[in-house]
C-alpha cells in the first residue's frame, strides 16, 4: 500500500534522526548502537555524560565516530567498522562476552534500524526484500534481551509505502519488542493499547502523519514538535 509522499514537506536526514535519538540516552545507561543510522548516535552524545555506548563486536564505553583517517585506529571500531574515539574507562571484550552482556540483560536501551514495525511492536529488520539471504548479526539478541528497543527509520520507503504497518509482511526479527519509533517526521510510542503519536516534525500536522502510517494512531492533546 502506497501513501502520499508529501514531497514538499521537510524530513530529517540520517544525522538529524541520530541527534534526536541521542536524547533518549540518560545518565548511567548502557546503550547499544546497532548498524546503520544508530551508529551515528555516538557523535551526538554529551562527552561529559556518564553513559556507556556498547557495540556487539566487543567494545563498550567508546566515543564519537572519527572522520579524519589520520586519527583513526583500525582496532578501535564500532559494529559497522567505523573508527571511534577512545574514552576513559573504555573496555574491549571477546565477541561471546559481548553477547553474554546483551543476553544477561545489562543493556538498558538498544537502537536498531527497521524495515517494518507492526502496530503491536513486532520488528522486521534483517532481510531486505529481494535478497537471497539476510544478516541477523546481534539483532535478535538485542531485540529480545535489551530493556528497551528504539527503532530509527524513515517513515516510508522510497516508493511511499508505509514502514509502520498493521502486520509485518517481511521476515520477523522479534515479536512485540519495539517500545519507541523515531522516524524522519515523528516520534511514536508502542503501548499495550496501540501506537501513540508523541512528537511531530515542524511543518507536519498530526493528520498528515496519520496519512502515511498504516495503523490508526492515538493522537493525544499534548503532542509536541520534535526538537533537536
C-alpha atoms as a PDB file:
ATOM      1  CA  UNK A   1       0.000   0.000   0.000  1.00  0.00           C
ATOM      2  CA  UNK A   2       1.496   3.299  -1.054  1.00  0.00           C
ATOM      3  CA  UNK A   3       0.658   6.533   0.724  1.00  0.00           C
ATOM      4  CA  UNK A   4       1.101  10.228  -0.079  1.00  0.00           C
ATOM      5  CA  UNK A   5       4.757  11.243  -0.284  1.00  0.00           C
ATOM      6  CA  UNK A   6       4.274  14.918   0.611  1.00  0.00           C
ATOM      7  CA  UNK A   7       7.373  15.752  -1.426  1.00  0.00           C
ATOM      8  CA  UNK A   8       7.242  19.412  -0.397  1.00  0.00           C
ATOM      9  CA  UNK A   9       7.394  18.587   3.320  1.00  0.00           C
ATOM     10  CA  UNK A  10      10.597  18.727   5.418  1.00  0.00           C
ATOM     11  CA  UNK A  11      12.162  15.492   6.642  1.00  0.00           C
ATOM     12  CA  UNK A  12      15.057  14.792   8.970  1.00  0.00           C
ATOM     13  CA  UNK A  13      18.196  13.374   7.379  1.00  0.00           C
ATOM     14  CA  UNK A  14      20.032  10.445   8.974  1.00  0.00           C
ATOM     15  CA  UNK A  15      22.257  12.647  11.138  1.00  0.00           C
ATOM     16  CA  UNK A  16      19.274  14.591  12.460  1.00  0.00           C
ATOM     17  CA  UNK A  17      17.433  11.362  13.300  1.00  0.00           C
ATOM     18  CA  UNK A  18      20.527  10.190  15.176  1.00  0.00           C
ATOM     19  CA  UNK A  19      20.698  13.517  17.005  1.00  0.00           C
ATOM     20  CA  UNK A  20      17.081  13.145  18.155  1.00  0.00           C
ATOM     21  CA  UNK A  21      17.746   9.546  19.189  1.00  0.00           C
ATOM     22  CA  UNK A  22      20.724  10.600  21.328  1.00  0.00           C
ATOM     23  CA  UNK A  23      18.286  12.438  23.599  1.00  0.00           C
ATOM     24  CA  UNK A  24      16.913   9.031  24.648  1.00  0.00           C
ATOM     25  CA  UNK A  25      20.209   8.127  26.359  1.00  0.00           C
ATOM     26  CA  UNK A  26      20.175   9.124  30.018  1.00  0.00           C
ATOM     27  CA  UNK A  27      22.899   9.274  32.676  1.00  0.00           C
ATOM     28  CA  UNK A  28      24.051   5.858  33.819  1.00  0.00           C
ATOM     29  CA  UNK A  29      22.724   3.943  30.818  1.00  0.00           C
ATOM     30  CA  UNK A  30      24.373   1.189  28.824  1.00  0.00           C
ATOM     31  CA  UNK A  31      23.238   1.919  25.255  1.00  0.00           C
ATOM     32  CA  UNK A  32      23.793  -0.386  22.301  1.00  0.00           C
ATOM     33  CA  UNK A  33      24.123   1.261  18.893  1.00  0.00           C
ATOM     34  CA  UNK A  34      23.047  -1.014  16.060  1.00  0.00           C
ATOM     35  CA  UNK A  35      24.048  -0.990  12.410  1.00  0.00           C
ATOM     36  CA  UNK A  36      23.086   1.882  10.100  1.00  0.00           C
ATOM     37  CA  UNK A  37      21.657   5.163  11.377  1.00  0.00           C
ATOM     38  CA  UNK A  38      22.137   4.171  15.063  1.00  0.00           C
ATOM     39  CA  UNK A  39      25.923   4.164  14.587  1.00  0.00           C
ATOM     40  CA  UNK A  40      25.743   7.941  14.077  1.00  0.00           C
ATOM     41  CA  UNK A  41      24.306   8.472  17.569  1.00  0.00           C
ATOM     42  CA  UNK A  42      27.713   8.362  19.275  1.00  0.00           C
ATOM     43  CA  UNK A  43      28.645  11.694  17.685  1.00  0.00           C
ATOM     44  CA  UNK A  44      25.705  13.395  19.422  1.00  0.00           C
ATOM     45  CA  UNK A  45      26.084  12.040  22.951  1.00  0.00           C
ATOM     46  CA  UNK A  46      27.381  14.542  25.503  1.00  0.00           C
ATOM     47  CA  UNK A  47      31.040  13.547  26.016  1.00  0.00           C
ATOM     48  CA  UNK A  48      30.723  14.525  29.688  1.00  0.00           C
ATOM     49  CA  UNK A  49      27.719  12.264  30.267  1.00  0.00           C
ATOM     50  CA  UNK A  50      28.195   9.125  32.370  1.00  0.00           C
ATOM     51  CA  UNK A  51      26.949   6.653  29.767  1.00  0.00           C
ATOM     52  CA  UNK A  52      28.448   3.522  28.225  1.00  0.00           C
ATOM     53  CA  UNK A  53      27.997   3.035  24.488  1.00  0.00           C
ATOM     54  CA  UNK A  54      28.118  -0.632  23.530  1.00  0.00           C
ATOM     55  CA  UNK A  55      28.674  -2.441  20.252  1.00  0.00           C
ATOM     56  CA  UNK A  56      28.238  -6.182  19.891  1.00  0.00           C
ATOM     57  CA  UNK A  57      31.640  -6.596  18.239  1.00  0.00           C
ATOM     58  CA  UNK A  58      33.120  -6.232  21.740  1.00  0.00           C
ATOM     59  CA  UNK A  59      33.701  -2.593  22.674  1.00  0.00           C
ATOM     60  CA  UNK A  60      31.973  -0.639  25.446  1.00  0.00           C
ATOM     61  CA  UNK A  61      32.453   2.952  26.561  1.00  0.00           C
ATOM     62  CA  UNK A  62      33.526   4.375  23.187  1.00  0.00           C
ATOM     63  CA  UNK A  63      33.015   7.905  21.890  1.00  0.00           C
ATOM     64  CA  UNK A  64      32.127   9.632  18.637  1.00  0.00           C
ATOM     65  CA  UNK A  65      32.960   8.426  15.129  1.00  0.00           C
ATOM     66  CA  UNK A  66      36.363   9.637  13.869  1.00  0.00           C
ATOM     67  CA  UNK A  67      36.133  11.251  10.443  1.00  0.00           C
ATOM     68  CA  UNK A  68      39.858  12.009   9.968  1.00  0.00           C
ATOM     69  CA  UNK A  69      41.633   8.880   8.602  1.00  0.00           C
ATOM     70  CA  UNK A  70      44.931  10.142  10.044  1.00  0.00           C
ATOM     71  CA  UNK A  71      43.500   9.817  13.571  1.00  0.00           C
ATOM     72  CA  UNK A  72      41.747   6.501  13.054  1.00  0.00           C
ATOM     73  CA  UNK A  73      42.747   3.334  14.887  1.00  0.00           C
ATOM     74  CA  UNK A  74      41.633   0.313  12.877  1.00  0.00           C
ATOM     75  CA  UNK A  75      41.478  -1.751  16.069  1.00  0.00           C
ATOM     76  CA  UNK A  76      39.083   0.643  17.816  1.00  0.00           C
ATOM     77  CA  UNK A  77      35.877   0.405  15.792  1.00  0.00           C
ATOM     78  CA  UNK A  78      32.131   0.208  16.271  1.00  0.00           C
ATOM     79  CA  UNK A  79      29.875  -2.565  14.966  1.00  0.00           C
ATOM     80  CA  UNK A  80      29.901  -1.111  11.463  1.00  0.00           C
ATOM     81  CA  UNK A  81      33.689  -0.897  11.239  1.00  0.00           C
ATOM     82  CA  UNK A  82      33.847   2.867  11.786  1.00  0.00           C
ATOM     83  CA  UNK A  83      36.773   4.130  13.894  1.00  0.00           C
ATOM     84  CA  UNK A  84      35.623   5.675  17.155  1.00  0.00           C
ATOM     85  CA  UNK A  85      37.154   7.866  19.836  1.00  0.00           C
ATOM     86  CA  UNK A  86      38.662   6.260  22.904  1.00  0.00           C
ATOM     87  CA  UNK A  87      37.164   7.378  26.214  1.00  0.00           C
ATOM     88  CA  UNK A  88      38.432   6.903  29.776  1.00  0.00           C
ATOM     89  CA  UNK A  89      37.301   3.531  31.064  1.00  0.00           C
ATOM     90  CA  UNK A  90      36.581   2.110  27.616  1.00  0.00           C
ATOM     91  CA  UNK A  91      36.902  -1.667  27.516  1.00  0.00           C
ATOM     92  CA  UNK A  92      37.299  -4.391  24.918  1.00  0.00           C
ATOM     93  CA  UNK A  93      35.913  -7.886  25.266  1.00  0.00           C
ATOM     94  CA  UNK A  94      35.523 -11.030  23.224  1.00  0.00           C
ATOM     95  CA  UNK A  95      32.529 -11.480  20.957  1.00  0.00           C
ATOM     96  CA  UNK A  96      30.986 -14.102  23.225  1.00  0.00           C
ATOM     97  CA  UNK A  97      31.463 -11.895  26.303  1.00  0.00           C
ATOM     98  CA  UNK A  98      29.764  -9.033  24.490  1.00  0.00           C
ATOM     99  CA  UNK A  99      26.766 -11.247  23.737  1.00  0.00           C
ATOM    100  CA  UNK A 100      26.741 -12.503  27.326  1.00  0.00           C
ATOM    101  CA  UNK A 101      26.372  -8.873  28.380  1.00  0.00           C
ATOM    102  CA  UNK A 102      23.432  -8.489  25.975  1.00  0.00           C
ATOM    103  CA  UNK A 103      21.745 -11.760  26.911  1.00  0.00           C
ATOM    104  CA  UNK A 104      22.277 -11.084  30.586  1.00  0.00           C
ATOM    105  CA  UNK A 105      20.002  -8.036  30.407  1.00  0.00           C
ATOM    106  CA  UNK A 106      22.693  -5.417  31.033  1.00  0.00           C
ATOM    107  CA  UNK A 107      21.779  -3.256  28.033  1.00  0.00           C
ATOM    108  CA  UNK A 108      19.352  -0.504  29.040  1.00  0.00           C
ATOM    109  CA  UNK A 109      18.440   0.555  25.505  1.00  0.00           C
ATOM    110  CA  UNK A 110      19.302  -0.608  22.018  1.00  0.00           C
ATOM    111  CA  UNK A 111      18.858   1.495  18.899  1.00  0.00           C
ATOM    112  CA  UNK A 112      18.050  -0.567  15.820  1.00  0.00           C
ATOM    113  CA  UNK A 113      17.172   0.160  12.221  1.00  0.00           C
ATOM    114  CA  UNK A 114      13.867  -1.138  10.861  1.00  0.00           C
ATOM    115  CA  UNK A 115      12.405  -2.272   7.558  1.00  0.00           C
ATOM    116  CA  UNK A 116       8.952  -2.595   9.123  1.00  0.00           C
ATOM    117  CA  UNK A 117       7.412  -2.180  12.565  1.00  0.00           C
ATOM    118  CA  UNK A 118       3.937  -3.507  13.303  1.00  0.00           C
ATOM    119  CA  UNK A 119       1.314  -1.848  15.459  1.00  0.00           C
ATOM    120  CA  UNK A 120       1.988  -4.357  18.262  1.00  0.00           C
ATOM    121  CA  UNK A 121       5.758  -3.734  18.243  1.00  0.00           C
ATOM    122  CA  UNK A 122       6.821  -6.649  16.021  1.00  0.00           C
ATOM    123  CA  UNK A 123      10.109  -5.826  14.274  1.00  0.00           C
ATOM    124  CA  UNK A 124      11.456  -6.785  10.840  1.00  0.00           C
ATOM    125  CA  UNK A 125      14.966  -5.546  10.127  1.00  0.00           C
ATOM    126  CA  UNK A 126      17.223  -8.375   8.991  1.00  0.00           C
ATOM    127  CA  UNK A 127      16.212  -9.432   5.475  1.00  0.00           C
ATOM    128  CA  UNK A 128      15.777  -6.929   2.661  1.00  0.00           C
ATOM    129  CA  UNK A 129      13.073  -7.914   0.150  1.00  0.00           C
ATOM    130  CA  UNK A 130      14.585  -9.491  -2.960  1.00  0.00           C
ATOM    131  CA  UNK A 131      17.797 -10.551  -1.251  1.00  0.00           C
ATOM    132  CA  UNK A 132      18.573 -14.270  -1.103  1.00  0.00           C
ATOM    133  CA  UNK A 133      19.812 -14.072   2.456  1.00  0.00           C
ATOM    134  CA  UNK A 134      19.837 -11.587   5.316  1.00  0.00           C
ATOM    135  CA  UNK A 135      22.179 -10.618   8.121  1.00  0.00           C
ATOM    136  CA  UNK A 136      20.861 -11.113  11.645  1.00  0.00           C
ATOM    137  CA  UNK A 137      24.026 -10.043  13.469  1.00  0.00           C
ATOM    138  CA  UNK A 138      23.002  -9.319  17.052  1.00  0.00           C
ATOM    139  CA  UNK A 139      19.548  -8.067  16.099  1.00  0.00           C
ATOM    140  CA  UNK A 140      17.527 -10.880  17.612  1.00  0.00           C
ATOM    141  CA  UNK A 141      19.553 -10.995  20.822  1.00  0.00           C
ATOM    142  CA  UNK A 142      19.213  -7.250  21.298  1.00  0.00           C
ATOM    143  CA  UNK A 143      15.519  -7.155  20.412  1.00  0.00           C
ATOM    144  CA  UNK A 144      14.733  -9.916  22.923  1.00  0.00           C
ATOM    145  CA  UNK A 145      17.144  -9.002  25.725  1.00  0.00           C
ATOM    146  CA  UNK A 146      17.608  -5.212  25.863  1.00  0.00           C
ATOM    147  CA  UNK A 147      15.429  -3.476  28.428  1.00  0.00           C
ATOM    148  CA  UNK A 148      14.144  -1.060  25.766  1.00  0.00           C
ATOM    149  CA  UNK A 149      14.195  -1.158  21.959  1.00  0.00           C
ATOM    150  CA  UNK A 150      14.109   2.115  19.995  1.00  0.00           C
ATOM    151  CA  UNK A 151      13.879   1.875  16.211  1.00  0.00           C
ATOM    152  CA  UNK A 152      15.180   4.593  13.903  1.00  0.00           C
ATOM    153  CA  UNK A 153      13.931   4.595  10.329  1.00  0.00           C
ATOM    154  CA  UNK A 154      12.375   6.661   7.594  1.00  0.00           C
ATOM    155  CA  UNK A 155       8.597   6.750   7.894  1.00  0.00           C
ATOM    156  CA  UNK A 156       8.114   5.468   4.334  1.00  0.00           C
ATOM    157  CA  UNK A 157      10.033   3.539   1.723  1.00  0.00           C
ATOM    158  CA  UNK A 158      11.307   5.341  -1.370  1.00  0.00           C
ATOM    159  CA  UNK A 159       8.122   4.469  -3.243  1.00  0.00           C
ATOM    160  CA  UNK A 160       5.918   5.836  -0.459  1.00  0.00           C
ATOM    161  CA  UNK A 161       4.958   2.546   1.210  1.00  0.00           C
ATOM    162  CA  UNK A 162       4.483   2.934   4.982  1.00  0.00           C
ATOM    163  CA  UNK A 163       7.078   1.195   7.143  1.00  0.00           C
ATOM    164  CA  UNK A 164       4.758   1.336  10.153  1.00  0.00           C
ATOM    165  CA  UNK A 165       2.151  -1.303   9.382  1.00  0.00           C
ATOM    166  CA  UNK A 166      -0.748  -3.223  10.884  1.00  0.00           C
ATOM    167  CA  UNK A 167       1.035  -6.555  10.420  1.00  0.00           C
ATOM    168  CA  UNK A 168       4.511  -7.421   9.166  1.00  0.00           C
ATOM    169  CA  UNK A 169       4.811  -8.663   5.600  1.00  0.00           C
ATOM    170  CA  UNK A 170       8.596  -9.120   5.922  1.00  0.00           C
ATOM    171  CA  UNK A 171      10.526 -11.738   7.892  1.00  0.00           C
ATOM    172  CA  UNK A 172      10.245 -11.060  11.611  1.00  0.00           C
ATOM    173  CA  UNK A 173      13.267 -10.311  13.808  1.00  0.00           C
ATOM    174  CA  UNK A 174      11.441 -10.397  17.154  1.00  0.00           C
ATOM    175  CA  UNK A 175       7.821 -10.070  18.316  1.00  0.00           C
ATOM    176  CA  UNK A 176       6.425  -7.229  20.387  1.00  0.00           C
ATOM    177  CA  UNK A 177       9.832  -5.752  21.175  1.00  0.00           C
ATOM    178  CA  UNK A 178       9.758  -2.149  19.915  1.00  0.00           C
ATOM    179  CA  UNK A 179       8.957   0.498  22.534  1.00  0.00           C
ATOM    180  CA  UNK A 180       9.579   3.701  20.571  1.00  0.00           C
ATOM    181  CA  UNK A 181       9.927   4.721  16.926  1.00  0.00           C
ATOM    182  CA  UNK A 182      11.951   7.733  15.816  1.00  0.00           C
ATOM    183  CA  UNK A 183      11.363   8.494  12.149  1.00  0.00           C
ATOM    184  CA  UNK A 184      12.229  11.339   9.824  1.00  0.00           C
ATOM    185  CA  UNK A 185       8.895  13.011  10.648  1.00  0.00           C
ATOM    186  CA  UNK A 186       7.640  11.755  14.020  1.00  0.00           C
ATOM    187  CA  UNK A 187       8.206  10.038  17.364  1.00  0.00           C
ATOM    188  CA  UNK A 188       5.725   7.259  18.132  1.00  0.00           C
ATOM    189  CA  UNK A 189       5.395   5.043  21.197  1.00  0.00           C
ATOM    190  CA  UNK A 190       4.207   1.439  21.089  1.00  0.00           C
ATOM    191  CA  UNK A 191       1.827   0.863  24.013  1.00  0.00           C
ATOM    192  CA  UNK A 192      -0.377  -2.062  25.082  1.00  0.00           C
ATOM    193  CA  UNK A 193      -3.364  -0.238  23.579  1.00  0.00           C
ATOM    194  CA  UNK A 194      -1.741   0.797  20.292  1.00  0.00           C
ATOM    195  CA  UNK A 195       0.527   3.398  18.739  1.00  0.00           C
ATOM    196  CA  UNK A 196       0.653   6.835  20.357  1.00  0.00           C
ATOM    197  CA  UNK A 197       1.966   9.866  18.481  1.00  0.00           C
ATOM    198  CA  UNK A 198       4.291  11.856  20.750  1.00  0.00           C
ATOM    199  CA  UNK A 199       6.208  14.288  18.523  1.00  0.00           C
ATOM    200  CA  UNK A 200       5.709  15.742  15.058  1.00  0.00           C
ATOM    201  CA  UNK A 201       8.347  17.354  12.868  1.00  0.00           C
ATOM    202  CA  UNK A 202       7.649  21.092  12.363  1.00  0.00           C
ATOM    203  CA  UNK A 203       5.878  21.550   9.033  1.00  0.00           C
ATOM    204  CA  UNK A 204       3.755  18.435   9.511  1.00  0.00           C
ATOM    205  CA  UNK A 205       0.352  18.022  11.119  1.00  0.00           C
ATOM    206  CA  UNK A 206      -0.795  15.031  13.138  1.00  0.00           C
ATOM    207  CA  UNK A 207      -3.362  14.313  10.431  1.00  0.00           C
ATOM    208  CA  UNK A 208      -0.640  14.162   7.762  1.00  0.00           C
ATOM    209  CA  UNK A 209       1.403  11.786   9.901  1.00  0.00           C
ATOM    210  CA  UNK A 210      -1.649   9.525  10.072  1.00  0.00           C
ATOM    211  CA  UNK A 211      -1.996   9.531   6.284  1.00  0.00           C
ATOM    212  CA  UNK A 212       1.473   7.977   5.909  1.00  0.00           C
ATOM    213  CA  UNK A 213       1.018   5.490   8.782  1.00  0.00           C
ATOM    214  CA  UNK A 214      -0.973   2.304   8.193  1.00  0.00           C
ATOM    215  CA  UNK A 215      -2.243   1.628  11.753  1.00  0.00           C
ATOM    216  CA  UNK A 216      -4.546   4.089  13.442  1.00  0.00           C
ATOM    217  CA  UNK A 217      -2.576   6.411  15.722  1.00  0.00           C
ATOM    218  CA  UNK A 218      -3.746   7.668  19.073  1.00  0.00           C
ATOM    219  CA  UNK A 219      -3.194  11.423  18.930  1.00  0.00           C
ATOM    220  CA  UNK A 220      -3.200  12.900  22.449  1.00  0.00           C
ATOM    221  CA  UNK A 221      -3.710  16.560  23.165  1.00  0.00           C
ATOM    222  CA  UNK A 222      -0.102  17.013  24.323  1.00  0.00           C
ATOM    223  CA  UNK A 223       1.649  16.118  21.036  1.00  0.00           C
ATOM    224  CA  UNK A 224       4.708  18.377  20.717  1.00  0.00           C
ATOM    225  CA  UNK A 225       7.033  19.457  17.920  1.00  0.00           C
ATOM    226  CA  UNK A 226      10.236  17.481  17.522  1.00  0.00           C
ATOM    227  CA  UNK A 227      13.237  19.381  18.869  1.00  0.00           C
ATOM    228  CA  UNK A 228      16.900  18.681  18.191  1.00  0.00           C
END
